[in-house]
Amino acid sequence: MVQKILNKVVGAKYISVLRTWVPNMVTWGTVGGVALVYFTDWRLVLDYVPYINGKFKDDK
């Protein structure tokens, strides 16, 4: 059903092109996310992980 709607709106050619690009976009998105965590303050990100959040309460 969704594919029929997308074929009407976008077209079959662009859907096939998108299917070939999805793994590449997922890979670069993951690399970008890891780089963002690496180059920013890692504790800022890890404060949202419940188990690790409690470990560093007394370090501040």
PDB file of N, CA and C in Angstrom:
ATOM      1  N   MET A   1       0.816  -1.190   0.000  1.00  0.00           N
ATOM      2  CA  MET A   1       0.000   0.000   0.000  1.00  0.00           C
ATOM      3  C   MET A   1       0.865   1.262   0.000  1.00  0.00           C
ATOM      4  N   VAL A   2       1.864   1.276   0.856  1.00  0.00           N
ATOM      5  CA  VAL A   2       2.749   2.432   0.928  1.00  0.00           C
ATOM      6  C   VAL A   2       3.534   2.568  -0.370  1.00  0.00           C
ATOM      7  N   GLN A   3       3.933   1.439  -0.937  1.00  0.00           N
ATOM      8  CA  GLN A   3       4.708   1.473  -2.170  1.00  0.00           C
ATOM      9  C   GLN A   3       3.881   2.026  -3.329  1.00  0.00           C
ATOM     10  N   LYS A   4       2.603   1.720  -3.352  1.00  0.00           N
ATOM     11  CA  LYS A   4       1.738   2.251  -4.400  1.00  0.00           C
ATOM     12  C   LYS A   4       1.616   3.769  -4.290  1.00  0.00           C
ATOM     13  N   ILE A   5       1.495   4.255  -3.068  1.00  0.00           N
ATOM     14  CA  ILE A   5       1.395   5.700  -2.852  1.00  0.00           C
ATOM     15  C   ILE A   5       2.699   6.380  -3.248  1.00  0.00           C
ATOM     16  N   LEU A   6       3.837   5.780  -2.853  1.00  0.00           N
ATOM     17  CA  LEU A   6       5.125   6.357  -3.219  1.00  0.00           C
ATOM     18  C   LEU A   6       5.356   6.335  -4.720  1.00  0.00           C
ATOM     19  N   ASN A   7       4.895   5.280  -5.392  1.00  0.00           N
ATOM     20  CA  ASN A   7       5.035   5.224  -6.844  1.00  0.00           C
ATOM     21  C   ASN A   7       4.264   6.345  -7.523  1.00  0.00           C
ATOM     22  N   LYS A   8       3.119   6.685  -6.978  1.00  0.00           N
ATOM     23  CA  LYS A   8       2.327   7.767  -7.562  1.00  0.00           C
ATOM     24  C   LYS A   8       2.981   9.129  -7.311  1.00  0.00           C
ATOM     25  N   VAL A   9       3.531   9.311  -6.122  1.00  0.00           N
ATOM     26  CA  VAL A   9       4.073  10.609  -5.747  1.00  0.00           C
ATOM     27  C   VAL A   9       5.494  10.806  -6.292  1.00  0.00           C
ATOM     28  N   VAL A  10       6.356   9.827  -6.080  1.00  0.00           N
ATOM     29  CA  VAL A  10       7.769   9.992  -6.404  1.00  0.00           C
ATOM     30  C   VAL A  10       8.134   9.313  -7.716  1.00  0.00           C
ATOM     31  N   GLY A  11       7.738   8.103  -7.884  1.00  0.00           N
ATOM     32  CA  GLY A  11       8.084   7.353  -9.081  1.00  0.00           C
ATOM     33  C   GLY A  11       8.960   6.165  -8.758  1.00  0.00           C
ATOM     34  N   ALA A  12       8.851   5.131  -9.564  1.00  0.00           N
ATOM     35  CA  ALA A  12       9.572   3.883  -9.311  1.00  0.00           C
ATOM     36  C   ALA A  12      11.083   4.061  -9.460  1.00  0.00           C
ATOM     37  N   LYS A  13      11.494   4.906 -10.377  1.00  0.00           N
ATOM     38  CA  LYS A  13      12.933   5.117 -10.591  1.00  0.00           C
ATOM     39  C   LYS A  13      13.596   5.691  -9.347  1.00  0.00           C
ATOM     40  N   TYR A  14      12.973   6.683  -8.752  1.00  0.00           N
ATOM     41  CA  TYR A  14      13.564   7.322  -7.584  1.00  0.00           C
ATOM     42  C   TYR A  14      13.501   6.430  -6.352  1.00  0.00           C
ATOM     43  N   ILE A  15      12.520   5.570  -6.278  1.00  0.00           N
ATOM     44  CA  ILE A  15      12.447   4.616  -5.169  1.00  0.00           C
ATOM     45  C   ILE A  15      13.591   3.620  -5.268  1.00  0.00           C
ATOM     46  N   SER A  16      13.895   3.150  -6.482  1.00  0.00           N
ATOM     47  CA  SER A  16      15.014   2.217  -6.638  1.00  0.00           C
ATOM     48  C   SER A  16      16.349   2.895  -6.343  1.00  0.00           C
ATOM     49  N   VAL A  17      16.484   4.166  -6.720  1.00  0.00           N
ATOM     50  CA  VAL A  17      17.712   4.902  -6.399  1.00  0.00           C
ATOM     51  C   VAL A  17      17.838   5.071  -4.891  1.00  0.00           C
ATOM     52  N   LEU A  18      16.733   5.370  -4.231  1.00  0.00           N
ATOM     53  CA  LEU A  18      16.749   5.527  -2.773  1.00  0.00           C
ATOM     54  C   LEU A  18      17.125   4.229  -2.076  1.00  0.00           C
ATOM     55  N   ARG A  19      16.639   3.113  -2.584  1.00  0.00           N
ATOM     56  CA  ARG A  19      16.974   1.820  -1.972  1.00  0.00           C
ATOM     57  C   ARG A  19      18.461   1.526  -2.064  1.00  0.00           C
ATOM     58  N   THR A  20      19.107   1.980  -3.118  1.00  0.00           N
ATOM     59  CA  THR A  20      20.551   1.738  -3.212  1.00  0.00           C
ATOM     60  C   THR A  20      21.343   2.672  -2.307  1.00  0.00           C
ATOM     61  N   TRP A  21      20.787   3.838  -1.979  1.00  0.00           N
ATOM     62  CA  TRP A  21      21.497   4.804  -1.148  1.00  0.00           C
ATOM     63  C   TRP A  21      21.265   4.625   0.344  1.00  0.00           C
ATOM     64  N   VAL A  22      20.223   3.897   0.749  1.00  0.00           N
ATOM     65  CA  VAL A  22      19.891   3.771   2.172  1.00  0.00           C
ATOM     66  C   VAL A  22      21.041   3.163   2.987  1.00  0.00           C
ATOM     67  N   PRO A  23      21.664   2.058   2.561  1.00  0.00           N
ATOM     68  CA  PRO A  23      22.775   1.535   3.380  1.00  0.00           C
ATOM     69  C   PRO A  23      23.931   2.527   3.521  1.00  0.00           C
ATOM     70  N   ASN A  24      24.212   3.265   2.468  1.00  0.00           N
ATOM     71  CA  ASN A  24      25.276   4.259   2.523  1.00  0.00           C
ATOM     72  C   ASN A  24      24.918   5.382   3.500  1.00  0.00           C
ATOM     73  N   MET A  25      23.686   5.839   3.464  1.00  0.00           N
ATOM     74  CA  MET A  25      23.264   6.911   4.374  1.00  0.00           C
ATOM     75  C   MET A  25      23.271   6.438   5.824  1.00  0.00           C
ATOM     76  N   VAL A  26      22.880   5.198   6.054  1.00  0.00           N
ATOM     77  CA  VAL A  26      22.899   4.661   7.423  1.00  0.00           C
ATOM     78  C   VAL A  26      24.331   4.565   7.931  1.00  0.00           C
ATOM     79  N   THR A  27      25.232   4.113   7.077  1.00  0.00           N
ATOM     80  CA  THR A  27      26.639   3.997   7.474  1.00  0.00           C
ATOM     81  C   THR A  27      27.230   5.348   7.817  1.00  0.00           C
ATOM     82  N   TRP A  28      27.054   6.336   6.949  1.00  0.00           N
ATOM     83  CA  TRP A  28      27.620   7.658   7.213  1.00  0.00           C
ATOM     84  C   TRP A  28      26.920   8.349   8.384  1.00  0.00           C
ATOM     85  N   GLY A  29      25.649   8.070   8.581  1.00  0.00           N
ATOM     86  CA  GLY A  29      24.956   8.617   9.746  1.00  0.00           C
ATOM     87  C   GLY A  29      25.516   8.059  11.044  1.00  0.00           C
ATOM     88  N   THR A  30      25.822   6.769  11.034  1.00  0.00           N
ATOM     89  CA  THR A  30      26.418   6.151  12.216  1.00  0.00           C
ATOM     90  C   THR A  30      27.813   6.700  12.466  1.00  0.00           C
ATOM     91  N   VAL A  31      28.606   6.824  11.422  1.00  0.00           N
ATOM     92  CA  VAL A  31      29.951   7.388  11.559  1.00  0.00           C
ATOM     93  C   VAL A  31      29.871   8.823  12.086  1.00  0.00           C
ATOM     94  N   GLY A  32      28.938   9.592  11.575  1.00  0.00           N
ATOM     95  CA  GLY A  32      28.766  10.960  12.048  1.00  0.00           C
ATOM     96  C   GLY A  32      28.345  11.018  13.502  1.00  0.00           C
ATOM     97  N   GLY A  33      27.453  10.119  13.903  1.00  0.00           N
ATOM     98  CA  GLY A  33      27.022  10.089  15.302  1.00  0.00           C
ATOM     99  C   GLY A  33      28.151   9.720  16.247  1.00  0.00           C
ATOM    100  N   VAL A  34      28.937   8.727  15.855  1.00  0.00           N
ATOM    101  CA  VAL A  34      30.079   8.331  16.690  1.00  0.00           C
ATOM    102  C   VAL A  34      31.112   9.455  16.749  1.00  0.00           C
ATOM    103  N   ALA A  35      31.355  10.124  15.634  1.00  0.00           N
ATOM    104  CA  ALA A  35      32.305  11.243  15.627  1.00  0.00           C
ATOM    105  C   ALA A  35      31.801  12.392  16.496  1.00  0.00           C
ATOM    106  N   LEU A  36      30.512  12.642  16.470  1.00  0.00           N
ATOM    107  CA  LEU A  36      29.948  13.698  17.302  1.00  0.00           C
ATOM    108  C   LEU A  36      30.149  13.396  18.782  1.00  0.00           C
ATOM    109  N   VAL A  37      29.911  12.152  19.174  1.00  0.00           N
ATOM    110  CA  VAL A  37      30.125  11.766  20.574  1.00  0.00           C
ATOM    111  C   VAL A  37      31.610  11.822  20.922  1.00  0.00           C
ATOM    112  N   TYR A  38      32.464  11.432  19.986  1.00  0.00           N
ATOM    113  CA  TYR A  38      33.901  11.418  20.249  1.00  0.00           C
ATOM    114  C   TYR A  38      34.458  12.828  20.430  1.00  0.00           C
ATOM    115  N   PHE A  39      34.029  13.751  19.594  1.00  0.00           N
ATOM    116  CA  PHE A  39      34.599  15.096  19.641  1.00  0.00           C
ATOM    117  C   PHE A  39      33.888  16.027  20.615  1.00  0.00           C
ATOM    118  N   THR A  40      32.768  15.607  21.182  1.00  0.00           N
ATOM    119  CA  THR A  40      32.116  16.414  22.206  1.00  0.00           C
ATOM    120  C   THR A  40      32.385  15.792  23.569  1.00  0.00           C
ATOM    121  N   ASP A  41      31.825  16.377  24.576  1.00  0.00           N
ATOM    122  CA  ASP A  41      32.012  15.865  25.924  1.00  0.00           C
ATOM    123  C   ASP A  41      31.285  14.542  26.068  1.00  0.00           C
ATOM    124  N   TRP A  42      31.996  13.451  26.258  1.00  0.00           N
ATOM    125  CA  TRP A  42      31.378  12.131  26.309  1.00  0.00           C
ATOM    126  C   TRP A  42      30.471  11.972  27.521  1.00  0.00           C
ATOM    127  N   ARG A  43      30.760  12.672  28.603  1.00  0.00           N
ATOM    128  CA  ARG A  43      29.899  12.570  29.785  1.00  0.00           C
ATOM    129  C   ARG A  43      28.543  13.221  29.540  1.00  0.00           C
ATOM    130  N   LEU A  44      28.508  14.241  28.709  1.00  0.00           N
ATOM    131  CA  LEU A  44      27.251  14.880  28.358  1.00  0.00           C
ATOM    132  C   LEU A  44      26.316  13.880  27.686  1.00  0.00           C
ATOM    133  N   VAL A  45      26.866  13.040  26.835  1.00  0.00           N
ATOM    134  CA  VAL A  45      26.066  12.028  26.139  1.00  0.00           C
ATOM    135  C   VAL A  45      25.729  10.881  27.076  1.00  0.00           C
ATOM    136  N   LEU A  46      26.701  10.437  27.864  1.00  0.00           N
ATOM    137  CA  LEU A  46      26.487   9.277  28.729  1.00  0.00           C
ATOM    138  C   LEU A  46      25.603   9.590  29.933  1.00  0.00           C
ATOM    139  N   ASP A  47      25.337  10.832  30.208  1.00  0.00           N
ATOM    140  CA  ASP A  47      24.406  11.165  31.285  1.00  0.00           C
ATOM    141  C   ASP A  47      22.993  10.689  30.989  1.00  0.00           C
ATOM    142  N   TYR A  48      22.677  10.441  29.730  1.00  0.00           N
ATOM    143  CA  TYR A  48      21.348   9.959  29.365  1.00  0.00           C
ATOM    144  C   TYR A  48      21.237   8.439  29.384  1.00  0.00           C
ATOM    145  N   VAL A  49      22.350   7.722  29.599  1.00  0.00           N
ATOM    146  CA  VAL A  49      22.320   6.267  29.714  1.00  0.00           C
ATOM    147  C   VAL A  49      22.069   5.942  31.182  1.00  0.00           C
ATOM    148  N   PRO A  50      20.981   5.251  31.507  1.00  0.00           N
ATOM    149  CA  PRO A  50      20.596   5.089  32.914  1.00  0.00           C
ATOM    150  C   PRO A  50      21.650   4.408  33.791  1.00  0.00           C
ATOM    151  N   TYR A  51      22.269   3.337  33.341  1.00  0.00           N
ATOM    152  CA  TYR A  51      23.224   2.617  34.189  1.00  0.00           C
ATOM    153  C   TYR A  51      24.488   3.441  34.431  1.00  0.00           C
ATOM    154  N   ILE A  52      24.999   4.078  33.396  1.00  0.00           N
ATOM    155  CA  ILE A  52      26.235   4.835  33.513  1.00  0.00           C
ATOM    156  C   ILE A  52      25.991   6.164  34.225  1.00  0.00           C
ATOM    157  N   ASN A  53      24.789   6.676  34.154  1.00  0.00           N
ATOM    158  CA  ASN A  53      24.455   7.964  34.766  1.00  0.00           C
ATOM    159  C   ASN A  53      24.747   7.957  36.269  1.00  0.00           C
ATOM    160  N   GLY A  54      24.465   6.873  36.976  1.00  0.00           N
ATOM    161  CA  GLY A  54      24.666   6.813  38.400  1.00  0.00           C
ATOM    162  C   GLY A  54      26.104   6.656  38.814  1.00  0.00           C
ATOM    163  N   LYS A  55      26.977   6.224  37.925  1.00  0.00           N
ATOM    164  CA  LYS A  55      28.369   5.973  38.289  1.00  0.00           C
ATOM    165  C   LYS A  55      29.166   7.241  38.571  1.00  0.00           C
ATOM    166  N   PHE A  56      28.822   8.341  37.936  1.00  0.00           N
ATOM    167  CA  PHE A  56      29.659   9.534  37.998  1.00  0.00           C
ATOM    168  C   PHE A  56      29.040  10.650  38.825  1.00  0.00           C
ATOM    169  N   LYS A  57      28.171  10.347  39.741  1.00  0.00           N
ATOM    170  CA  LYS A  57      27.515  11.384  40.544  1.00  0.00           C
ATOM    171  C   LYS A  57      28.503  12.111  41.437  1.00  0.00           C
ATOM    172  N   ASP A  58      29.479  11.400  42.021  1.00  0.00           N
ATOM    173  CA  ASP A  58      30.390  12.030  42.968  1.00  0.00           C
ATOM    174  C   ASP A  58      31.635  12.616  42.309  1.00  0.00           C
ATOM    175  N   ASP A  59      31.820  12.473  41.014  1.00  0.00           N
ATOM    176  CA  ASP A  59      33.001  12.986  40.327  1.00  0.00           C
ATOM    177  C   ASP A  59      32.961  14.488  40.098  1.00  0.00           C
ATOM    178  N   LYS A  60      31.829  15.107  40.202  1.00  0.00           N
ATOM    179  CA  LYS A  60      31.704  16.543  39.901  1.00  0.00           C
ATOM    180  C   LYS A  60      32.197  17.336  41.033  1.00  0.00           C
TER     181      LYS A  60
END
